[in-house]
Amino acid sequence: SMKEISASFPEGISYLIPFDITTYISESI
């Protein structure tokens, strides 16, 4: 969703996901 929404962001605005709890889950798996 964020990839789709960011396509209409004004120039100069971007997004970043600095913390994702699923990273720990995927590493545990």
PDB file of all heavy atoms in Angstrom:
ATOM      1  N   SER A   1       0.821  -1.207   0.000  1.00  0.00           N
ATOM      2  CA  SER A   1       0.000   0.000   0.000  1.00  0.00           C
ATOM      3  C   SER A   1       0.853   1.254   0.000  1.00  0.00           C
ATOM      4  O   SER A   1       0.570   2.213  -0.732  1.00  0.00           O
ATOM      5  CB  SER A   1      -0.944  -0.002   1.215  1.00  0.00           C
ATOM      6  OG  SER A   1      -1.856  -1.077   1.154  1.00  0.00           O
ATOM      7  N   MET A   2       1.889   1.271   0.821  1.00  0.00           N
ATOM      8  CA  MET A   2       2.768   2.445   0.875  1.00  0.00           C
ATOM      9  C   MET A   2       3.483   2.666  -0.453  1.00  0.00           C
ATOM     10  O   MET A   2       3.693   3.803  -0.881  1.00  0.00           O
ATOM     11  CB  MET A   2       3.782   2.281   2.009  1.00  0.00           C
ATOM     12  CG  MET A   2       3.210   2.449   3.403  1.00  0.00           C
ATOM     13  SD  MET A   2       2.352   4.029   3.640  1.00  0.00           S
ATOM     14  CE  MET A   2       3.638   5.206   3.238  1.00  0.00           C
ATOM     15  N   LYS A   3       3.838   1.574  -1.125  1.00  0.00           N
ATOM     16  CA  LYS A   3       4.477   1.707  -2.441  1.00  0.00           C
ATOM     17  C   LYS A   3       3.515   2.337  -3.442  1.00  0.00           C
ATOM     18  O   LYS A   3       3.904   3.183  -4.259  1.00  0.00           O
ATOM     19  CB  LYS A   3       4.936   0.334  -2.925  1.00  0.00           C
ATOM     20  CG  LYS A   3       5.730   0.377  -4.216  1.00  0.00           C
ATOM     21  CD  LYS A   3       6.220  -1.017  -4.591  1.00  0.00           C
ATOM     22  CE  LYS A   3       7.035  -0.973  -5.891  1.00  0.00           C
ATOM     23  NZ  LYS A   3       7.515  -2.325  -6.266  1.00  0.00           N
ATOM     24  N   GLU A   4       2.242   1.949  -3.335  1.00  0.00           N
ATOM     25  CA  GLU A   4       1.225   2.503  -4.232  1.00  0.00           C
ATOM     26  C   GLU A   4       0.913   3.949  -3.885  1.00  0.00           C
ATOM     27  O   GLU A   4       0.791   4.811  -4.776  1.00  0.00           O
ATOM     28  CB  GLU A   4      -0.041   1.645  -4.144  1.00  0.00           C
ATOM     29  CG  GLU A   4      -1.146   2.072  -5.085  1.00  0.00           C
ATOM     30  CD  GLU A   4      -2.357   1.164  -4.990  1.00  0.00           C
ATOM     31  OE1 GLU A   4      -2.234   0.062  -4.416  1.00  0.00           O
ATOM     32  OE2 GLU A   4      -3.428   1.564  -5.483  1.00  0.00           O
ATOM     33  N   ILE A   5       0.784   4.256  -2.581  1.00  0.00           N
ATOM     34  CA  ILE A   5       0.470   5.630  -2.167  1.00  0.00           C
ATOM     35  C   ILE A   5       1.605   6.581  -2.515  1.00  0.00           C
ATOM     36  O   ILE A   5       1.377   7.712  -2.950  1.00  0.00           O
ATOM     37  CB  ILE A   5       0.195   5.671  -0.647  1.00  0.00           C
ATOM     38  CG1 ILE A   5      -1.021   4.826  -0.292  1.00  0.00           C
ATOM     39  CG2 ILE A   5      -0.019   7.101  -0.175  1.00  0.00           C
ATOM     40  CD1 ILE A   5      -1.198   4.614   1.200  1.00  0.00           C
ATOM     41  N   SER A   6       2.838   6.135  -2.335  1.00  0.00           N
ATOM     42  CA  SER A   6       3.995   7.018  -2.540  1.00  0.00           C
ATOM     43  C   SER A   6       4.137   7.468  -3.982  1.00  0.00           C
ATOM     44  O   SER A   6       4.840   8.443  -4.264  1.00  0.00           O
ATOM     45  CB  SER A   6       5.276   6.311  -2.088  1.00  0.00           C
ATOM     46  OG  SER A   6       5.521   5.156  -2.873  1.00  0.00           O
ATOM     47  N   ALA A   7       3.478   6.763  -4.911  1.00  0.00           N
ATOM     48  CA  ALA A   7       3.571   7.173  -6.320  1.00  0.00           C
ATOM     49  C   ALA A   7       2.943   8.545  -6.546  1.00  0.00           C
ATOM     50  O   ALA A   7       3.309   9.250  -7.493  1.00  0.00           O
ATOM     51  CB  ALA A   7       2.889   6.123  -7.202  1.00  0.00           C
ATOM     52  N   SER A   8       2.006   8.945  -5.675  1.00  0.00           N
ATOM     53  CA  SER A   8       1.355  10.251  -5.817  1.00  0.00           C
ATOM     54  C   SER A   8       1.885  11.285  -4.832  1.00  0.00           C
ATOM     55  O   SER A   8       1.300  12.362  -4.694  1.00  0.00           O
ATOM     56  CB  SER A   8      -0.164  10.087  -5.629  1.00  0.00           C
ATOM     57  OG  SER A   8      -0.449   9.544  -4.351  1.00  0.00           O
ATOM     58  N   PHE A   9       2.978  10.976  -4.120  1.00  0.00           N
ATOM     59  CA  PHE A   9       3.564  11.943  -3.194  1.00  0.00           C
ATOM     60  C   PHE A   9       4.118  13.144  -3.970  1.00  0.00           C
ATOM     61  O   PHE A   9       4.654  12.977  -5.078  1.00  0.00           O
ATOM     62  CB  PHE A   9       4.701  11.303  -2.399  1.00  0.00           C
ATOM     63  CG  PHE A   9       4.245  10.461  -1.237  1.00  0.00           C
ATOM     64  CD1 PHE A   9       2.914  10.292  -0.958  1.00  0.00           C
ATOM     65  CD2 PHE A   9       5.178   9.826  -0.418  1.00  0.00           C
ATOM     66  CE1 PHE A   9       2.490   9.507   0.109  1.00  0.00           C
ATOM     67  CE2 PHE A   9       4.781   9.044   0.644  1.00  0.00           C
ATOM     68  CZ  PHE A   9       3.424   8.880   0.900  1.00  0.00           C
ATOM     69  N   PRO A  10       4.023  14.349  -3.401  1.00  0.00           N
ATOM     70  CA  PRO A  10       4.695  15.507  -4.013  1.00  0.00           C
ATOM     71  C   PRO A  10       6.206  15.287  -4.069  1.00  0.00           C
ATOM     72  O   PRO A  10       6.767  14.553  -3.248  1.00  0.00           O
ATOM     73  CB  PRO A  10       4.339  16.658  -3.070  1.00  0.00           C
ATOM     74  CG  PRO A  10       3.139  16.198  -2.313  1.00  0.00           C
ATOM     75  CD  PRO A  10       3.265  14.717  -2.191  1.00  0.00           C
ATOM     76  N   GLU A  11       6.825  15.889  -5.019  1.00  0.00           N
ATOM     77  CA  GLU A  11       8.281  15.743  -5.149  1.00  0.00           C
ATOM     78  C   GLU A  11       8.975  16.284  -3.900  1.00  0.00           C
ATOM     79  O   GLU A  11       8.686  17.389  -3.449  1.00  0.00           O
ATOM     80  CB  GLU A  11       8.772  16.494  -6.387  1.00  0.00           C
ATOM     81  CG  GLU A  11      10.249  16.298  -6.654  1.00  0.00           C
ATOM     82  CD  GLU A  11      10.709  17.014  -7.907  1.00  0.00           C
ATOM     83  OE1 GLU A  11       9.858  17.596  -8.609  1.00  0.00           O
ATOM     84  OE2 GLU A  11      11.928  17.000  -8.178  1.00  0.00           O
ATOM     85  N   GLY A  12       9.855  15.486  -3.320  1.00  0.00           N
ATOM     86  CA  GLY A  12      10.552  15.874  -2.101  1.00  0.00           C
ATOM     87  C   GLY A  12      10.065  15.136  -0.873  1.00  0.00           C
ATOM     88  O   GLY A  12      10.688  15.214   0.182  1.00  0.00           O
ATOM     89  N   ILE A  13       8.923  14.411  -0.998  1.00  0.00           N
ATOM     90  CA  ILE A  13       8.402  13.622   0.124  1.00  0.00           C
ATOM     91  C   ILE A  13       8.608  12.141  -0.172  1.00  0.00           C
ATOM     92  O   ILE A  13       8.282  11.669  -1.263  1.00  0.00           O
ATOM     93  CB  ILE A  13       6.904  13.902   0.374  1.00  0.00           C
ATOM     94  CG1 ILE A  13       6.695  15.347   0.818  1.00  0.00           C
ATOM     95  CG2 ILE A  13       6.361  12.957   1.442  1.00  0.00           C
ATOM     96  CD1 ILE A  13       5.244  15.689   1.107  1.00  0.00           C
ATOM     97  N   SER A  14       9.155  11.429   0.755  1.00  0.00           N
ATOM     98  CA  SER A  14       9.361   9.987   0.622  1.00  0.00           C
ATOM     99  C   SER A  14       8.973   9.312   1.937  1.00  0.00           C
ATOM    100  O   SER A  14       8.678   9.985   2.926  1.00  0.00           O
ATOM    101  CB  SER A  14      10.823   9.671   0.271  1.00  0.00           C
ATOM    102  OG  SER A  14      11.689  10.156   1.296  1.00  0.00           O
ATOM    103  N   TYR A  15       8.950   7.989   1.937  1.00  0.00           N
ATOM    104  CA  TYR A  15       8.601   7.253   3.157  1.00  0.00           C
ATOM    105  C   TYR A  15       9.673   6.220   3.462  1.00  0.00           C
ATOM    106  O   TYR A  15      10.436   5.797   2.592  1.00  0.00           O
ATOM    107  CB  TYR A  15       7.235   6.580   3.013  1.00  0.00           C
ATOM    108  CG  TYR A  15       7.232   5.319   2.187  1.00  0.00           C
ATOM    109  CD1 TYR A  15       7.350   4.065   2.794  1.00  0.00           C
ATOM    110  CD2 TYR A  15       7.130   5.371   0.800  1.00  0.00           C
ATOM    111  CE1 TYR A  15       7.362   2.910   2.039  1.00  0.00           C
ATOM    112  CE2 TYR A  15       7.143   4.217   0.045  1.00  0.00           C
ATOM    113  CZ  TYR A  15       7.252   2.984   0.658  1.00  0.00           C
ATOM    114  OH  TYR A  15       7.277   1.840  -0.084  1.00  0.00           O
ATOM    115  N   LEU A  16       9.723   5.829   4.727  1.00  0.00           N
ATOM    116  CA  LEU A  16      10.696   4.842   5.192  1.00  0.00           C
ATOM    117  C   LEU A  16      10.056   4.049   6.331  1.00  0.00           C
ATOM    118  O   LEU A  16       9.286   4.602   7.111  1.00  0.00           O
ATOM    119  CB  LEU A  16      11.976   5.535   5.686  1.00  0.00           C
ATOM    120  CG  LEU A  16      13.099   4.633   6.228  1.00  0.00           C
ATOM    121  CD1 LEU A  16      13.669   3.768   5.114  1.00  0.00           C
ATOM    122  CD2 LEU A  16      14.202   5.475   6.856  1.00  0.00           C
ATOM    123  N   ILE A  17      10.348   2.746   6.393  1.00  0.00           N
ATOM    124  CA  ILE A  17       9.853   1.897   7.489  1.00  0.00           C
ATOM    125  C   ILE A  17      11.054   1.577   8.381  1.00  0.00           C
ATOM    126  O   ILE A  17      11.774   0.607   8.145  1.00  0.00           O
ATOM    127  CB  ILE A  17       9.202   0.613   6.941  1.00  0.00           C
ATOM    128  CG1 ILE A  17       8.054   0.977   5.994  1.00  0.00           C
ATOM    129  CG2 ILE A  17       8.689  -0.259   8.092  1.00  0.00           C
ATOM    130  CD1 ILE A  17       7.381  -0.214   5.353  1.00  0.00           C
ATOM    131  N   PRO A  18      11.294   2.398   9.422  1.00  0.00           N
ATOM    132  CA  PRO A  18      12.501   2.202  10.243  1.00  0.00           C
ATOM    133  C   PRO A  18      12.407   1.060  11.236  1.00  0.00           C
ATOM    134  O   PRO A  18      13.414   0.535  11.678  1.00  0.00           O
ATOM    135  CB  PRO A  18      12.640   3.547  10.966  1.00  0.00           C
ATOM    136  CG  PRO A  18      11.233   4.064  11.054  1.00  0.00           C
ATOM    137  CD  PRO A  18      10.524   3.584   9.835  1.00  0.00           C
ATOM    138  N   PHE A  19      11.168   0.671  11.600  1.00  0.00           N
ATOM    139  CA  PHE A  19      11.022  -0.406  12.588  1.00  0.00           C
ATOM    140  C   PHE A  19       9.854  -1.291  12.184  1.00  0.00           C
ATOM    141  O   PHE A  19       8.747  -0.806  11.960  1.00  0.00           O
ATOM    142  CB  PHE A  19      10.777   0.162  13.989  1.00  0.00           C
ATOM    143  CG  PHE A  19      10.539  -0.898  15.037  1.00  0.00           C
ATOM    144  CD1 PHE A  19      11.587  -1.676  15.504  1.00  0.00           C
ATOM    145  CD2 PHE A  19       9.264  -1.132  15.533  1.00  0.00           C
ATOM    146  CE1 PHE A  19      11.372  -2.661  16.454  1.00  0.00           C
ATOM    147  CE2 PHE A  19       9.043  -2.103  16.484  1.00  0.00           C
ATOM    148  CZ  PHE A  19      10.101  -2.878  16.941  1.00  0.00           C
ATOM    149  N   ASP A  20      10.124  -2.578  12.073  1.00  0.00           N
ATOM    150  CA  ASP A  20       9.094  -3.550  11.686  1.00  0.00           C
ATOM    151  C   ASP A  20       9.278  -4.791  12.534  1.00  0.00           C
ATOM    152  O   ASP A  20      10.284  -5.488  12.433  1.00  0.00           O
ATOM    153  CB  ASP A  20       9.228  -3.881  10.199  1.00  0.00           C
ATOM    154  CG  ASP A  20       8.096  -4.768   9.703  1.00  0.00           C
ATOM    155  OD1 ASP A  20       7.249  -5.154  10.531  1.00  0.00           O
ATOM    156  OD2 ASP A  20       8.058  -5.068   8.500  1.00  0.00           O
ATOM    157  N   ILE A  21       8.278  -5.084  13.396  1.00  0.00           N
ATOM    158  CA  ILE A  21       8.382  -6.215  14.307  1.00  0.00           C
ATOM    159  C   ILE A  21       8.421  -7.534  13.551  1.00  0.00           C
ATOM    160  O   ILE A  21       8.922  -8.542  14.051  1.00  0.00           O
ATOM    161  CB  ILE A  21       7.205  -6.201  15.312  1.00  0.00           C
ATOM    162  CG1 ILE A  21       7.413  -7.232  16.438  1.00  0.00           C
ATOM    163  CG2 ILE A  21       5.905  -6.459  14.608  1.00  0.00           C
ATOM    164  CD1 ILE A  21       8.608  -6.974  17.291  1.00  0.00           C
ATOM    165  N   THR A  22       7.893  -7.543  12.307  1.00  0.00           N
ATOM    166  CA  THR A  22       7.888  -8.796  11.546  1.00  0.00           C
ATOM    167  C   THR A  22       9.298  -9.198  11.114  1.00  0.00           C
ATOM    168  O   THR A  22       9.502 -10.348  10.725  1.00  0.00           O
ATOM    169  CB  THR A  22       6.994  -8.672  10.298  1.00  0.00           C
ATOM    170  OG1 THR A  22       7.480  -7.622   9.466  1.00  0.00           O
ATOM    171  CG2 THR A  22       5.562  -8.393  10.682  1.00  0.00           C
ATOM    172  N   THR A  23      10.236  -8.273  11.166  1.00  0.00           N
ATOM    173  CA  THR A  23      11.628  -8.647  10.882  1.00  0.00           C
ATOM    174  C   THR A  23      12.105  -9.670  11.900  1.00  0.00           C
ATOM    175  O   THR A  23      12.754 -10.668  11.548  1.00  0.00           O
ATOM    176  CB  THR A  23      12.536  -7.399  10.927  1.00  0.00           C
ATOM    177  OG1 THR A  23      12.034  -6.426  10.015  1.00  0.00           O
ATOM    178  CG2 THR A  23      13.971  -7.768  10.551  1.00  0.00           C
ATOM    179  N   TYR A  24      11.749  -9.439  13.161  1.00  0.00           N
ATOM    180  CA  TYR A  24      12.101 -10.402  14.213  1.00  0.00           C
ATOM    181  C   TYR A  24      11.375 -11.728  14.003  1.00  0.00           C
ATOM    182  O   TYR A  24      11.945 -12.798  14.171  1.00  0.00           O
ATOM    183  CB  TYR A  24      11.729  -9.817  15.582  1.00  0.00           C
ATOM    184  CG  TYR A  24      11.787 -10.801  16.718  1.00  0.00           C
ATOM    185  CD1 TYR A  24      13.001 -11.172  17.279  1.00  0.00           C
ATOM    186  CD2 TYR A  24      10.625 -11.379  17.216  1.00  0.00           C
ATOM    187  CE1 TYR A  24      13.052 -12.087  18.319  1.00  0.00           C
ATOM    188  CE2 TYR A  24      10.662 -12.283  18.252  1.00  0.00           C
ATOM    189  CZ  TYR A  24      11.884 -12.631  18.802  1.00  0.00           C
ATOM    190  OH  TYR A  24      11.927 -13.543  19.816  1.00  0.00           O
ATOM    191  N   ILE A  25      10.094 -11.634  13.597  1.00  0.00           N
ATOM    192  CA  ILE A  25       9.321 -12.861  13.374  1.00  0.00           C
ATOM    193  C   ILE A  25       9.917 -13.675  12.235  1.00  0.00           C
ATOM    194  O   ILE A  25      10.080 -14.892  12.344  1.00  0.00           O
ATOM    195  CB  ILE A  25       7.849 -12.513  13.083  1.00  0.00           C
ATOM    196  CG1 ILE A  25       7.220 -11.795  14.284  1.00  0.00           C
ATOM    197  CG2 ILE A  25       7.045 -13.761  12.739  1.00  0.00           C
ATOM    198  CD1 ILE A  25       5.817 -11.294  14.034  1.00  0.00           C
ATOM    199  N   SER A  26      10.248 -13.015  11.122  1.00  0.00           N
ATOM    200  CA  SER A  26      10.796 -13.744   9.975  1.00  0.00           C
ATOM    201  C   SER A  26      12.151 -14.352  10.312  1.00  0.00           C
ATOM    202  O   SER A  26      12.466 -15.472   9.882  1.00  0.00           O
ATOM    203  CB  SER A  26      10.923 -12.803   8.767  1.00  0.00           C
ATOM    204  OG  SER A  26      11.787 -11.723   9.058  1.00  0.00           O
ATOM    205  N   GLU A  27      12.955 -13.615  11.106  1.00  0.00           N
ATOM    206  CA  GLU A  27      14.238 -14.177  11.514  1.00  0.00           C
ATOM    207  C   GLU A  27      14.044 -15.382  12.432  1.00  0.00           C
ATOM    208  O   GLU A  27      14.785 -16.361  12.360  1.00  0.00           O
ATOM    209  CB  GLU A  27      15.075 -13.108  12.219  1.00  0.00           C
ATOM    210  CG  GLU A  27      15.666 -12.065  11.287  1.00  0.00           C
ATOM    211  CD  GLU A  27      16.613 -12.674  10.266  1.00  0.00           C
ATOM    212  OE1 GLU A  27      17.456 -13.517  10.661  1.00  0.00           O
ATOM    213  OE2 GLU A  27      16.493 -12.340   9.080  1.00  0.00           O
ATOM    214  N   SER A  28      13.018 -15.314  13.303  1.00  0.00           N
ATOM    215  CA  SER A  28      12.729 -16.446  14.188  1.00  0.00           C
ATOM    216  C   SER A  28      12.302 -17.668  13.386  1.00  0.00           C
ATOM    217  O   SER A  28      12.726 -18.798  13.658  1.00  0.00           O
ATOM    218  CB  SER A  28      11.634 -16.065  15.188  1.00  0.00           C
ATOM    219  OG  SER A  28      12.042 -14.983  15.990  1.00  0.00           O
ATOM    220  N   ILE A  29      11.464 -17.441  12.373  1.00  0.00           N
ATOM    221  CA  ILE A  29      11.042 -18.549  11.511  1.00  0.00           C
ATOM    222  C   ILE A  29      12.237 -19.137  10.784  1.00  0.00           C
ATOM    223  O   ILE A  29      12.373 -20.363  10.645  1.00  0.00           O
ATOM    224  CB  ILE A  29       9.968 -18.057  10.516  1.00  0.00           C
ATOM    225  CG1 ILE A  29       8.700 -17.658  11.267  1.00  0.00           C
ATOM    226  CG2 ILE A  29       9.650 -19.130   9.475  1.00  0.00           C
ATOM    227  CD1 ILE A  29       7.644 -17.012  10.391  1.00  0.00           C
TER     228      ILE A  29
END
